[in-house]
Amino acid sequence: MRMLGPIIMRITAVFLYSAMAVIGGASLIAPEIPAHQAAMLAGISAAAHVIEKLARAYADDGKITLEELNAAFNPSAIDHHHDEE
């Protein structure tokens, strides 16, 4: 449980940097979509992807190693679960 605080902070960071990356692009590509809605969609989607990776790692063996934790937050990490499907 001591990792819960840092995990929540890292998920918040993923949400924020994903949302911020979309604000400018959304205003250029689809100005009819409010920037805050595009940012919320991007942030929620990115955070959900990280949470899914953490849930998959936990489902494997009932624990999350530091390696699995760091891989969940690394967008370039290979997802071996999707390779098996």
Protein backbone atom coordinates (compact mmCIF):
# COMPACT_ATOMS: atom_id res chain seq x y z
CA MET A 1 0.00 0.00 0.00
CA ARG A 2 2.96 2.36 0.38
CA MET A 3 3.14 2.53 -3.42
CA LEU A 4 -0.46 3.76 -3.76
CA GLY A 5 0.38 7.46 -3.36
CA PRO A 6 3.15 7.48 -5.99
CA ILE A 7 0.99 5.40 -8.36
CA ILE A 8 -1.89 7.88 -8.09
CA MET A 9 0.51 10.78 -8.65
CA ARG A 10 1.99 9.08 -11.72
CA ILE A 11 -1.48 8.38 -13.15
CA THR A 12 -2.34 12.04 -12.59
CA ALA A 13 0.83 13.03 -14.44
CA VAL A 14 -0.10 10.75 -17.38
CA PHE A 15 -3.55 12.33 -17.45
CA LEU A 16 -2.13 15.85 -17.44
CA TYR A 17 0.57 15.42 -20.06
CA SER A 18 -1.80 13.55 -22.37
CA ALA A 19 -4.48 16.20 -21.96
CA MET A 20 -2.06 19.06 -22.51
CA ALA A 21 -0.69 17.47 -25.67
CA VAL A 22 -4.16 17.38 -27.22
CA ILE A 23 -5.36 20.90 -26.44
CA GLY A 24 -3.45 22.65 -29.22
CA GLY A 25 -4.03 19.96 -31.82
CA ALA A 26 -7.74 19.74 -31.13
CA SER A 27 -8.19 23.46 -31.60
CA LEU A 28 -6.47 23.29 -34.99
CA ILE A 29 -8.01 20.08 -36.31
CA ALA A 30 -11.56 20.34 -34.97
CA PRO A 31 -12.30 23.82 -33.65
CA GLU A 32 -15.95 22.86 -33.09
CA ILE A 33 -14.85 20.49 -30.28
CA PRO A 34 -14.21 22.43 -27.08
CA ALA A 35 -10.56 22.14 -26.02
CA HIS A 36 -11.49 21.06 -22.49
CA GLN A 37 -13.55 18.15 -23.82
CA ALA A 38 -10.74 16.98 -26.10
CA ALA A 39 -8.27 17.26 -23.21
CA MET A 40 -10.55 15.27 -20.88
CA LEU A 41 -10.95 12.53 -23.48
CA ALA A 42 -7.20 12.28 -24.05
CA GLY A 43 -6.39 12.31 -20.33
CA ILE A 44 -9.00 9.74 -19.39
CA SER A 45 -7.97 7.48 -22.25
CA ALA A 46 -4.28 7.62 -21.30
CA ALA A 47 -4.97 7.05 -17.59
CA ALA A 48 -7.29 4.13 -18.39
CA HIS A 49 -4.56 2.54 -20.52
CA VAL A 50 -2.09 2.69 -17.61
CA ILE A 51 -4.69 1.33 -15.16
CA GLU A 52 -5.43 -1.53 -17.58
CA LYS A 53 -1.72 -2.43 -17.73
CA LEU A 54 -1.50 -2.41 -13.92
CA ALA A 55 -4.63 -4.57 -13.62
CA ARG A 56 -3.24 -7.08 -16.12
CA ALA A 57 0.04 -7.27 -14.21
CA TYR A 58 -1.82 -7.80 -10.93
CA ALA A 59 -4.11 -10.43 -12.45
CA ASP A 60 -1.11 -12.49 -13.56
CA ASP A 61 0.16 -13.34 -10.08
CA GLY A 62 -1.57 -11.13 -7.51
CA LYS A 63 1.27 -8.64 -7.21
CA ILE A 64 2.83 -5.80 -9.15
CA THR A 65 6.62 -5.72 -9.33
CA LEU A 66 8.56 -2.48 -9.69
CA GLU A 67 9.43 -3.54 -13.25
CA GLU A 68 5.74 -4.06 -14.10
CA LEU A 69 4.87 -0.74 -12.48
CA ASN A 70 7.47 1.17 -14.47
CA ALA A 71 6.50 -0.65 -17.69
CA ALA A 72 2.85 0.39 -17.23
CA PHE A 73 3.89 4.05 -17.29
CA ASN A 74 6.27 3.66 -20.23
CA PRO A 75 4.38 4.28 -23.48
CA SER A 76 7.08 2.52 -25.49
CA ALA A 77 7.10 -0.63 -23.35
CA ILE A 78 6.14 -3.81 -25.14
CA ASP A 79 2.81 -5.21 -23.97
CA HIS A 80 3.32 -8.98 -24.06
CA HIS A 81 -0.34 -9.64 -23.22
CA HIS A 82 -1.51 -8.18 -26.50
CA ASP A 83 1.13 -10.17 -28.41
CA GLU A 84 -0.45 -13.41 -27.18
CA GLU A 85 -3.93 -12.54 -28.46
